[in-house]
């Protein structure tokens, strides 16, 4: 699956993340500053900027044609038709073994995607991987309730008979953000 974006599709894009310590829910000048810093270093294909619902540092996820530690390994549309207003970022720090990466791919495709694909108001699921097999899962949704429903669906799944629980370690961090900026096109494209 691919998603249209200004400058091509999300397939084979390089992705970078940046922590934004000056995130503020009301004074949103930090969003413009973050975007200006990205454009000062090149021409990003798209950017997502989020303010954490629990307070703290914000996040910017930026797609580039030529740089970034992460590459897109999977992009799937959800059932949501409205604009994404919330973002969940699930982080698995590296280094991770090739066996871990294969187990994560299998779990994502065979257990987690079937559990979440029909949840209303989910807009897009992105999976990113670095060379050391660090991984990010980015979920874009119309509402925080949709993200909550997704968390409950994932936590309710049972490991498949051929999954090794020793390889399926929990994430290092999970953040839920209000999207403050999203210039990614999320239109549906044929499979």
N, C-alpha and C. Protein backbone atom coordinates (compact mmCIF):
# COMPACT_ATOMS: atom_id res chain seq x y z
N UNK A 1 0.85 -1.18 0.00
CA UNK A 1 0.00 0.00 0.00
C UNK A 1 0.89 1.23 0.00
N UNK A 2 0.44 2.28 -0.59
CA UNK A 2 1.16 3.53 -0.55
C UNK A 2 0.18 4.67 -0.37
N UNK A 3 0.73 5.79 0.03
CA UNK A 3 -0.06 6.98 0.28
C UNK A 3 0.56 8.11 -0.52
N UNK A 4 -0.25 8.92 -1.15
CA UNK A 4 0.27 10.05 -1.90
C UNK A 4 0.77 11.13 -0.95
N UNK A 5 1.81 11.78 -1.34
CA UNK A 5 2.35 12.91 -0.60
C UNK A 5 2.95 13.85 -1.63
N UNK A 6 3.11 15.12 -1.26
CA UNK A 6 3.72 16.04 -2.21
C UNK A 6 5.14 15.57 -2.46
N UNK A 7 5.45 15.16 -3.64
CA UNK A 7 6.78 14.68 -3.94
C UNK A 7 6.82 13.17 -4.15
N UNK A 8 5.69 12.49 -4.18
CA UNK A 8 5.71 11.06 -4.47
C UNK A 8 4.85 10.28 -3.51
N UNK A 9 5.21 9.02 -3.32
CA UNK A 9 4.50 8.18 -2.37
C UNK A 9 5.37 7.99 -1.13
N UNK A 10 4.75 7.48 -0.08
CA UNK A 10 5.50 7.23 1.14
C UNK A 10 6.46 6.07 0.99
N UNK A 11 6.26 5.22 0.00
CA UNK A 11 7.12 4.06 -0.17
C UNK A 11 8.58 4.51 -0.35
N UNK A 12 9.48 3.84 0.36
CA UNK A 12 10.93 4.06 0.26
C UNK A 12 11.38 5.43 0.75
N UNK A 13 10.56 6.13 1.50
CA UNK A 13 10.99 7.40 2.05
C UNK A 13 11.87 7.20 3.27
N UNK A 14 12.73 8.17 3.53
CA UNK A 14 13.53 8.19 4.73
C UNK A 14 12.85 9.13 5.72
N UNK A 15 12.85 8.74 6.99
CA UNK A 15 12.10 9.46 8.00
C UNK A 15 13.03 9.84 9.15
N UNK A 16 12.88 11.06 9.64
CA UNK A 16 13.62 11.48 10.84
C UNK A 16 12.61 11.91 11.90
N UNK A 17 13.04 11.82 13.15
CA UNK A 17 12.22 12.29 14.26
C UNK A 17 13.02 13.31 15.04
N UNK A 18 12.32 14.23 15.65
CA UNK A 18 12.98 15.27 16.45
C UNK A 18 12.11 15.56 17.66
N UNK A 19 12.74 15.57 18.83
CA UNK A 19 12.05 15.96 20.06
C UNK A 19 11.95 17.48 20.08
N UNK A 20 10.80 18.00 20.50
CA UNK A 20 10.56 19.45 20.54
C UNK A 20 10.27 19.86 21.98
N UNK A 21 11.31 20.26 22.73
CA UNK A 21 11.14 20.51 24.17
C UNK A 21 10.27 21.72 24.50
N UNK A 22 10.06 22.63 23.57
CA UNK A 22 9.30 23.84 23.87
C UNK A 22 7.83 23.73 23.50
N UNK A 23 7.31 22.51 23.40
CA UNK A 23 5.91 22.30 23.01
C UNK A 23 4.98 22.91 24.06
N UNK A 24 3.95 23.61 23.58
CA UNK A 24 3.00 24.28 24.46
C UNK A 24 1.61 24.13 23.84
N UNK A 25 0.60 23.81 24.63
CA UNK A 25 -0.73 23.57 24.04
C UNK A 25 -1.43 24.83 23.54
N UNK A 26 -1.05 26.01 24.02
CA UNK A 26 -1.74 27.24 23.65
C UNK A 26 -0.87 28.12 22.76
N UNK A 27 0.36 28.41 23.21
CA UNK A 27 1.29 29.21 22.43
C UNK A 27 1.96 28.28 21.42
N UNK A 28 1.49 28.30 20.19
CA UNK A 28 1.92 27.31 19.20
C UNK A 28 3.03 27.80 18.28
N UNK A 29 3.73 28.85 18.66
CA UNK A 29 4.84 29.32 17.84
C UNK A 29 5.92 28.26 17.66
N UNK A 30 6.02 27.33 18.59
CA UNK A 30 7.02 26.26 18.50
C UNK A 30 6.80 25.37 17.28
N UNK A 31 5.54 25.25 16.83
CA UNK A 31 5.25 24.45 15.64
C UNK A 31 5.88 25.11 14.42
N UNK A 32 5.68 26.42 14.27
CA UNK A 32 6.27 27.15 13.14
C UNK A 32 7.79 27.10 13.21
N UNK A 33 8.35 27.22 14.42
CA UNK A 33 9.81 27.16 14.57
C UNK A 33 10.35 25.80 14.15
N UNK A 34 9.67 24.74 14.55
CA UNK A 34 10.11 23.39 14.19
C UNK A 34 10.07 23.20 12.68
N UNK A 35 8.98 23.63 12.05
CA UNK A 35 8.86 23.49 10.60
C UNK A 35 9.90 24.33 9.87
N UNK A 36 10.14 25.54 10.37
CA UNK A 36 11.16 26.40 9.76
C UNK A 36 12.53 25.75 9.86
N UNK A 37 12.83 25.09 10.98
CA UNK A 37 14.13 24.43 11.13
C UNK A 37 14.26 23.27 10.14
N UNK A 38 13.17 22.56 9.91
CA UNK A 38 13.21 21.46 8.94
C UNK A 38 13.46 22.00 7.54
N UNK A 39 12.74 23.04 7.15
CA UNK A 39 12.89 23.61 5.82
C UNK A 39 14.23 24.30 5.64
N UNK A 40 14.85 24.74 6.74
CA UNK A 40 16.17 25.36 6.65
C UNK A 40 17.25 24.35 6.30
N UNK A 41 17.00 23.08 6.56
CA UNK A 41 18.00 22.04 6.28
C UNK A 41 17.71 21.28 4.99
N UNK A 42 16.65 21.61 4.30
CA UNK A 42 16.32 20.92 3.06
C UNK A 42 14.86 21.09 2.71
N UNK A 43 14.38 20.23 1.87
CA UNK A 43 13.00 20.30 1.41
C UNK A 43 12.28 19.01 1.81
N UNK A 44 11.71 18.99 3.02
CA UNK A 44 11.02 17.76 3.44
C UNK A 44 9.81 17.49 2.57
N UNK A 45 9.52 16.20 2.40
CA UNK A 45 8.36 15.80 1.61
C UNK A 45 7.07 16.01 2.39
N UNK A 46 7.11 15.79 3.70
CA UNK A 46 5.98 16.04 4.58
C UNK A 46 6.47 16.04 6.02
N UNK A 47 5.63 16.57 6.91
CA UNK A 47 5.98 16.61 8.33
C UNK A 47 4.72 16.45 9.18
N UNK A 48 4.88 15.77 10.30
CA UNK A 48 3.85 15.65 11.32
C UNK A 48 4.42 16.25 12.60
N UNK A 49 3.67 17.15 13.23
CA UNK A 49 4.11 17.76 14.48
C UNK A 49 3.03 17.51 15.53
N UNK A 50 3.45 16.98 16.67
CA UNK A 50 2.48 16.64 17.71
C UNK A 50 2.83 17.20 19.07
N UNK A 51 1.77 17.57 19.80
CA UNK A 51 1.89 18.00 21.19
C UNK A 51 1.40 16.85 22.07
N UNK A 52 2.22 16.42 23.07
CA UNK A 52 1.84 15.26 23.88
C UNK A 52 0.66 15.56 24.79
N UNK A 53 -0.31 14.66 24.80
CA UNK A 53 -1.50 14.88 25.63
C UNK A 53 -1.16 14.93 27.11
N UNK A 54 -0.09 14.26 27.52
CA UNK A 54 0.30 14.27 28.93
C UNK A 54 1.28 15.38 29.27
N UNK A 55 1.55 16.29 28.35
CA UNK A 55 2.54 17.34 28.57
C UNK A 55 3.93 16.83 28.26
N UNK A 56 4.89 17.72 28.24
CA UNK A 56 6.28 17.35 27.94
C UNK A 56 6.67 17.76 26.54
N UNK A 57 7.72 17.12 26.05
CA UNK A 57 8.27 17.47 24.74
C UNK A 57 7.35 17.02 23.62
N UNK A 58 7.27 17.85 22.60
CA UNK A 58 6.53 17.49 21.40
C UNK A 58 7.40 16.65 20.50
N UNK A 59 6.88 16.33 19.33
CA UNK A 59 7.62 15.51 18.38
C UNK A 59 7.35 16.01 16.96
N UNK A 60 8.39 15.93 16.12
CA UNK A 60 8.22 16.19 14.70
C UNK A 60 8.75 14.96 13.97
N UNK A 61 7.95 14.42 13.08
CA UNK A 61 8.33 13.30 12.24
C UNK A 61 8.34 13.84 10.81
N UNK A 62 9.49 13.73 10.16
CA UNK A 62 9.67 14.37 8.86
C UNK A 62 10.14 13.35 7.83
N UNK A 63 9.55 13.39 6.64
CA UNK A 63 9.95 12.51 5.54
C UNK A 63 10.86 13.26 4.58
N UNK A 64 11.92 12.59 4.18
CA UNK A 64 12.91 13.15 3.27
C UNK A 64 13.13 12.17 2.13
N UNK A 65 13.52 12.68 0.99
CA UNK A 65 13.84 11.79 -0.13
C UNK A 65 15.25 11.24 0.00
N UNK A 66 16.11 11.89 0.80
CA UNK A 66 17.52 11.55 0.78
C UNK A 66 18.18 11.30 2.13
N UNK A 67 17.45 11.43 3.26
CA UNK A 67 18.13 11.23 4.55
C UNK A 67 17.13 10.90 5.64
N UNK A 68 17.66 10.42 6.73
CA UNK A 68 16.85 10.07 7.89
C UNK A 68 17.19 8.66 8.34
N UNK A 69 17.24 8.44 9.63
CA UNK A 69 17.64 7.12 10.14
C UNK A 69 16.60 6.02 9.92
N UNK A 70 15.35 6.40 9.70
CA UNK A 70 14.30 5.40 9.52
C UNK A 70 13.88 5.33 8.07
N UNK A 71 13.41 4.16 7.66
CA UNK A 71 12.79 4.00 6.35
C UNK A 71 11.40 3.44 6.57
N UNK A 72 10.51 3.77 5.69
CA UNK A 72 9.14 3.27 5.79
C UNK A 72 9.12 1.81 5.35
N UNK A 73 8.60 0.91 6.20
CA UNK A 73 8.51 -0.49 5.83
C UNK A 73 7.07 -0.94 5.61
N UNK A 74 6.10 -0.14 6.08
CA UNK A 74 4.70 -0.50 5.87
C UNK A 74 3.83 0.73 6.07
N UNK A 75 2.83 0.87 5.23
CA UNK A 75 1.86 1.96 5.31
C UNK A 75 0.51 1.40 4.92
N UNK A 76 -0.45 1.48 5.86
CA UNK A 76 -1.78 0.92 5.59
C UNK A 76 -2.86 1.93 5.96
N UNK A 77 -3.89 2.03 5.14
CA UNK A 77 -4.99 2.94 5.46
C UNK A 77 -5.91 2.32 6.51
N UNK A 78 -6.47 3.17 7.35
CA UNK A 78 -7.52 2.74 8.26
C UNK A 78 -8.87 2.99 7.63
N UNK A 79 -9.92 2.85 8.43
CA UNK A 79 -11.27 3.07 7.93
C UNK A 79 -11.71 4.51 8.05
N UNK A 80 -10.96 5.33 8.79
CA UNK A 80 -11.34 6.72 9.00
C UNK A 80 -11.31 7.52 7.71
N UNK A 81 -12.27 8.43 7.58
CA UNK A 81 -12.35 9.25 6.38
C UNK A 81 -12.09 10.73 6.66
N UNK A 82 -12.09 11.10 7.92
CA UNK A 82 -11.86 12.50 8.28
C UNK A 82 -10.37 12.78 8.44
N UNK A 83 -10.01 14.01 8.70
CA UNK A 83 -8.60 14.31 8.90
C UNK A 83 -8.09 13.71 10.21
N UNK A 84 -6.82 13.32 10.18
CA UNK A 84 -6.17 12.83 11.39
C UNK A 84 -5.94 14.01 12.33
N UNK A 85 -6.33 13.86 13.58
CA UNK A 85 -6.14 14.91 14.57
C UNK A 85 -5.28 14.45 15.74
N UNK A 86 -5.04 13.12 15.82
CA UNK A 86 -4.25 12.55 16.90
C UNK A 86 -3.24 11.57 16.32
N UNK A 87 -2.13 11.40 17.06
CA UNK A 87 -1.06 10.53 16.60
C UNK A 87 -0.53 9.75 17.80
N UNK A 88 -0.37 8.45 17.61
CA UNK A 88 0.28 7.61 18.60
C UNK A 88 1.62 7.19 18.01
N UNK A 89 2.69 7.30 18.83
CA UNK A 89 4.02 6.89 18.39
C UNK A 89 4.52 5.84 19.37
N UNK A 90 4.79 4.65 18.86
CA UNK A 90 5.26 3.52 19.65
C UNK A 90 6.71 3.28 19.25
N UNK A 91 7.62 3.34 20.23
CA UNK A 91 9.05 3.30 19.96
C UNK A 91 9.69 2.04 20.52
N UNK A 92 10.42 1.35 19.66
CA UNK A 92 11.26 0.22 20.06
C UNK A 92 12.70 0.62 19.76
N UNK A 93 13.47 0.95 20.79
CA UNK A 93 14.84 1.39 20.58
C UNK A 93 15.71 0.27 20.03
N UNK A 94 16.74 0.66 19.29
CA UNK A 94 17.72 -0.30 18.78
C UNK A 94 18.94 -0.31 19.67
N UNK A 95 19.84 -1.19 19.44
CA UNK A 95 19.80 -2.18 18.37
C UNK A 95 18.88 -3.35 18.73
N UNK A 96 18.30 -3.92 17.69
CA UNK A 96 17.46 -5.12 17.79
C UNK A 96 18.00 -6.14 16.79
N UNK A 97 17.83 -7.39 17.12
CA UNK A 97 18.34 -8.46 16.26
C UNK A 97 17.48 -8.61 15.00
N UNK A 98 18.04 -9.21 13.95
CA UNK A 98 17.22 -9.51 12.78
C UNK A 98 16.04 -10.43 13.12
N UNK A 99 16.23 -11.32 14.08
CA UNK A 99 15.14 -12.21 14.50
C UNK A 99 14.02 -11.41 15.15
N UNK A 100 14.37 -10.40 15.95
CA UNK A 100 13.36 -9.54 16.56
C UNK A 100 12.59 -8.81 15.46
N UNK A 101 13.31 -8.25 14.48
CA UNK A 101 12.65 -7.51 13.39
C UNK A 101 11.71 -8.42 12.61
N UNK A 102 12.12 -9.65 12.35
CA UNK A 102 11.25 -10.59 11.64
C UNK A 102 10.02 -10.92 12.47
N UNK A 103 10.20 -11.09 13.79
CA UNK A 103 9.06 -11.38 14.67
C UNK A 103 8.12 -10.19 14.74
N UNK A 104 8.66 -8.98 14.75
CA UNK A 104 7.82 -7.77 14.77
C UNK A 104 7.03 -7.65 13.47
N UNK A 105 7.69 -7.91 12.35
CA UNK A 105 7.00 -7.89 11.05
C UNK A 105 5.85 -8.89 11.03
N UNK A 106 6.12 -10.09 11.50
CA UNK A 106 5.11 -11.14 11.49
C UNK A 106 3.93 -10.77 12.38
N UNK A 107 4.23 -10.31 13.60
CA UNK A 107 3.17 -9.93 14.53
C UNK A 107 2.34 -8.78 13.96
N UNK A 108 3.01 -7.78 13.39
CA UNK A 108 2.29 -6.64 12.83
C UNK A 108 1.36 -7.06 11.70
N UNK A 109 1.81 -7.93 10.85
CA UNK A 109 1.04 -8.33 9.68
C UNK A 109 -0.05 -9.36 10.00
N UNK A 110 0.27 -10.35 10.81
CA UNK A 110 -0.64 -11.48 11.01
C UNK A 110 -1.53 -11.38 12.25
N UNK A 111 -1.14 -10.56 13.24
CA UNK A 111 -1.95 -10.48 14.46
C UNK A 111 -2.46 -9.06 14.73
N UNK A 112 -1.58 -8.08 14.68
CA UNK A 112 -1.97 -6.72 15.08
C UNK A 112 -2.79 -6.00 14.02
N UNK A 113 -2.41 -6.12 12.74
CA UNK A 113 -3.19 -5.49 11.67
C UNK A 113 -4.62 -6.04 11.63
N UNK A 114 -4.82 -7.36 11.66
CA UNK A 114 -6.20 -7.86 11.68
C UNK A 114 -7.01 -7.37 12.89
N UNK A 115 -6.35 -7.13 14.01
CA UNK A 115 -7.05 -6.68 15.22
C UNK A 115 -7.44 -5.20 15.16
N UNK A 116 -6.74 -4.41 14.33
CA UNK A 116 -6.96 -2.96 14.34
C UNK A 116 -7.51 -2.39 13.04
N UNK A 117 -7.46 -3.12 11.95
CA UNK A 117 -7.78 -2.55 10.64
C UNK A 117 -9.20 -2.03 10.49
N UNK A 118 -10.15 -2.57 11.24
CA UNK A 118 -11.54 -2.15 11.08
C UNK A 118 -12.02 -1.20 12.18
N UNK A 119 -11.11 -0.70 12.99
CA UNK A 119 -11.50 0.23 14.06
C UNK A 119 -11.92 1.56 13.42
N UNK A 120 -13.13 2.03 13.73
CA UNK A 120 -13.58 3.30 13.17
C UNK A 120 -12.66 4.46 13.59
N UNK A 121 -12.50 5.41 12.69
CA UNK A 121 -11.79 6.66 12.92
C UNK A 121 -10.26 6.51 12.94
N UNK A 122 -9.76 5.32 12.60
CA UNK A 122 -8.31 5.16 12.41
C UNK A 122 -8.01 5.56 10.97
N UNK A 123 -7.03 6.41 10.76
CA UNK A 123 -6.78 6.97 9.44
C UNK A 123 -5.61 6.29 8.72
N UNK A 124 -4.51 6.07 9.41
CA UNK A 124 -3.32 5.53 8.75
C UNK A 124 -2.42 4.86 9.80
N UNK A 125 -1.79 3.75 9.39
CA UNK A 125 -0.82 3.03 10.21
C UNK A 125 0.51 3.03 9.45
N UNK A 126 1.57 3.53 10.06
CA UNK A 126 2.90 3.56 9.45
C UNK A 126 3.87 2.79 10.34
N UNK A 127 4.72 1.98 9.73
CA UNK A 127 5.79 1.31 10.46
C UNK A 127 7.12 1.72 9.86
N UNK A 128 8.04 2.14 10.72
CA UNK A 128 9.35 2.64 10.30
C UNK A 128 10.43 1.77 10.94
N UNK A 129 11.54 1.58 10.22
CA UNK A 129 12.64 0.78 10.75
C UNK A 129 13.96 1.45 10.43
N UNK A 130 14.91 1.38 11.38
CA UNK A 130 16.27 1.91 11.20
C UNK A 130 17.21 0.76 10.86
N UNK A 131 18.44 1.09 10.48
CA UNK A 131 19.43 0.07 10.13
C UNK A 131 19.73 -0.86 11.29
N UNK A 132 19.64 -0.37 12.53
CA UNK A 132 19.90 -1.22 13.70
C UNK A 132 18.63 -1.93 14.18
N UNK A 133 17.58 -1.89 13.35
CA UNK A 133 16.27 -2.51 13.61
C UNK A 133 15.47 -1.81 14.69
N UNK A 134 15.88 -0.62 15.11
CA UNK A 134 14.98 0.20 15.93
C UNK A 134 13.72 0.39 15.10
N UNK A 135 12.59 0.54 15.77
CA UNK A 135 11.32 0.58 15.04
C UNK A 135 10.39 1.62 15.66
N UNK A 136 9.64 2.29 14.80
CA UNK A 136 8.58 3.20 15.22
C UNK A 136 7.30 2.76 14.54
N UNK A 137 6.21 2.76 15.31
CA UNK A 137 4.89 2.56 14.75
C UNK A 137 4.15 3.88 14.97
N UNK A 138 3.62 4.45 13.91
CA UNK A 138 2.90 5.72 13.98
C UNK A 138 1.46 5.45 13.55
N UNK A 139 0.53 5.77 14.44
CA UNK A 139 -0.89 5.57 14.17
C UNK A 139 -1.53 6.95 14.12
N UNK A 140 -2.21 7.25 13.02
CA UNK A 140 -2.91 8.52 12.87
C UNK A 140 -4.41 8.25 12.96
N UNK A 141 -5.10 9.05 13.77
CA UNK A 141 -6.52 8.80 14.01
C UNK A 141 -7.30 10.11 14.07
N UNK A 142 -8.60 9.98 13.85
CA UNK A 142 -9.49 11.14 13.94
C UNK A 142 -9.71 11.57 15.38
N UNK A 143 -9.63 10.61 16.34
CA UNK A 143 -9.93 10.93 17.73
C UNK A 143 -9.00 10.17 18.66
N UNK A 144 -8.85 10.68 19.88
CA UNK A 144 -8.09 9.98 20.90
C UNK A 144 -8.81 8.69 21.30
N UNK A 145 -10.14 8.70 21.23
CA UNK A 145 -10.89 7.48 21.54
C UNK A 145 -10.56 6.35 20.57
N UNK A 146 -10.33 6.67 19.31
CA UNK A 146 -9.95 5.64 18.34
C UNK A 146 -8.60 5.03 18.71
N UNK A 147 -7.66 5.87 19.13
CA UNK A 147 -6.36 5.35 19.57
C UNK A 147 -6.54 4.46 20.80
N UNK A 148 -7.37 4.89 21.74
CA UNK A 148 -7.65 4.08 22.93
C UNK A 148 -8.24 2.73 22.54
N UNK A 149 -9.16 2.75 21.59
CA UNK A 149 -9.76 1.49 21.12
C UNK A 149 -8.71 0.60 20.47
N UNK A 150 -7.79 1.20 19.74
CA UNK A 150 -6.70 0.44 19.14
C UNK A 150 -5.79 -0.19 20.17
N UNK A 151 -5.47 0.55 21.22
CA UNK A 151 -4.64 0.01 22.30
C UNK A 151 -5.33 -1.20 22.93
N UNK A 152 -6.63 -1.07 23.20
CA UNK A 152 -7.37 -2.18 23.81
C UNK A 152 -7.41 -3.38 22.87
N UNK A 153 -7.57 -3.14 21.57
CA UNK A 153 -7.61 -4.25 20.62
C UNK A 153 -6.27 -4.98 20.58
N UNK A 154 -5.17 -4.23 20.55
CA UNK A 154 -3.84 -4.84 20.51
C UNK A 154 -3.58 -5.62 21.79
N UNK A 155 -3.92 -5.04 22.92
CA UNK A 155 -3.66 -5.70 24.20
C UNK A 155 -4.56 -6.93 24.41
N UNK A 156 -5.61 -7.05 23.64
CA UNK A 156 -6.53 -8.19 23.75
C UNK A 156 -6.14 -9.35 22.85
N UNK A 157 -5.14 -9.15 21.98
CA UNK A 157 -4.77 -10.24 21.07
C UNK A 157 -4.01 -11.33 21.82
N UNK A 158 -4.10 -12.51 21.30
CA UNK A 158 -3.37 -13.66 21.82
C UNK A 158 -2.27 -14.00 20.82
N UNK A 159 -1.09 -14.34 21.34
CA UNK A 159 -0.01 -14.71 20.44
C UNK A 159 -0.43 -15.87 19.55
N UNK A 160 0.00 -15.82 18.32
CA UNK A 160 -0.27 -16.90 17.39
C UNK A 160 0.64 -18.09 17.73
N UNK A 161 0.24 -19.30 17.36
CA UNK A 161 1.02 -20.48 17.74
C UNK A 161 2.49 -20.43 17.33
N UNK A 162 2.80 -19.79 16.19
CA UNK A 162 4.19 -19.75 15.73
C UNK A 162 4.95 -18.50 16.17
N UNK A 163 4.40 -17.71 17.11
CA UNK A 163 5.12 -16.55 17.62
C UNK A 163 5.92 -16.93 18.87
N UNK A 164 7.14 -16.40 18.95
CA UNK A 164 8.02 -16.65 20.10
C UNK A 164 7.92 -15.46 21.05
N UNK A 165 7.31 -15.65 22.24
CA UNK A 165 7.15 -14.53 23.17
C UNK A 165 8.48 -13.90 23.59
N UNK A 166 9.57 -14.65 23.56
CA UNK A 166 10.87 -14.09 23.94
C UNK A 166 11.33 -13.01 22.96
N UNK A 167 10.87 -13.08 21.73
CA UNK A 167 11.25 -12.09 20.73
C UNK A 167 10.33 -10.86 20.73
N UNK A 168 9.18 -10.97 21.35
CA UNK A 168 8.20 -9.89 21.30
C UNK A 168 8.25 -9.06 22.58
N UNK A 169 9.26 -8.24 22.67
CA UNK A 169 9.46 -7.40 23.85
C UNK A 169 8.55 -6.18 23.78
N UNK A 170 8.19 -5.62 24.94
CA UNK A 170 7.32 -4.44 24.93
C UNK A 170 8.05 -3.21 24.39
N UNK A 171 7.30 -2.20 23.98
CA UNK A 171 7.93 -0.98 23.47
C UNK A 171 8.70 -0.26 24.57
N UNK A 172 9.65 0.56 24.15
CA UNK A 172 10.41 1.38 25.09
C UNK A 172 9.65 2.64 25.50
N UNK A 173 8.84 3.16 24.58
CA UNK A 173 8.02 4.34 24.86
C UNK A 173 6.77 4.32 24.01
N UNK A 174 5.71 4.90 24.56
CA UNK A 174 4.47 5.12 23.81
C UNK A 174 4.04 6.54 24.10
N UNK A 175 3.79 7.32 23.07
CA UNK A 175 3.31 8.68 23.23
C UNK A 175 2.04 8.90 22.42
N UNK A 176 1.13 9.67 22.99
CA UNK A 176 -0.09 10.05 22.28
C UNK A 176 -0.08 11.57 22.16
N UNK A 177 -0.27 12.05 20.95
CA UNK A 177 -0.10 13.46 20.62
C UNK A 177 -1.33 14.01 19.91
N UNK A 178 -1.62 15.28 20.18
CA UNK A 178 -2.56 16.02 19.34
C UNK A 178 -1.76 16.52 18.15
N UNK A 179 -2.25 16.23 16.94
CA UNK A 179 -1.55 16.71 15.75
C UNK A 179 -1.70 18.21 15.64
N UNK A 180 -0.61 18.91 15.66
CA UNK A 180 -0.60 20.36 15.53
C UNK A 180 -0.34 20.77 14.08
N UNK A 181 0.28 19.88 13.32
CA UNK A 181 0.55 20.13 11.91
C UNK A 181 0.66 18.77 11.21
N UNK A 182 0.02 18.66 10.07
CA UNK A 182 0.13 17.46 9.25
C UNK A 182 -0.04 17.88 7.80
N UNK A 183 1.05 17.82 7.03
CA UNK A 183 0.92 18.16 5.62
C UNK A 183 1.10 16.91 4.75
N UNK A 184 0.92 15.77 5.36
CA UNK A 184 0.95 14.50 4.66
C UNK A 184 -0.42 14.28 4.02
N UNK A 185 -0.43 13.83 2.79
CA UNK A 185 -1.69 13.52 2.13
C UNK A 185 -2.08 12.10 2.51
N UNK A 186 -3.28 11.92 3.01
CA UNK A 186 -3.72 10.61 3.46
C UNK A 186 -4.82 10.05 2.58
N UNK A 187 -4.86 10.45 1.33
CA UNK A 187 -5.87 9.92 0.43
C UNK A 187 -5.61 8.44 0.18
N UNK A 188 -6.69 7.73 -0.05
CA UNK A 188 -6.57 6.28 -0.28
C UNK A 188 -6.11 6.03 -1.71
N UNK A 189 -5.26 5.02 -1.84
CA UNK A 189 -4.80 4.60 -3.16
C UNK A 189 -5.06 3.11 -3.29
N UNK A 190 -5.20 2.60 -4.49
CA UNK A 190 -5.44 1.17 -4.64
C UNK A 190 -4.25 0.36 -4.15
N UNK A 191 -4.53 -0.87 -3.69
CA UNK A 191 -3.47 -1.75 -3.20
C UNK A 191 -2.62 -2.25 -4.36
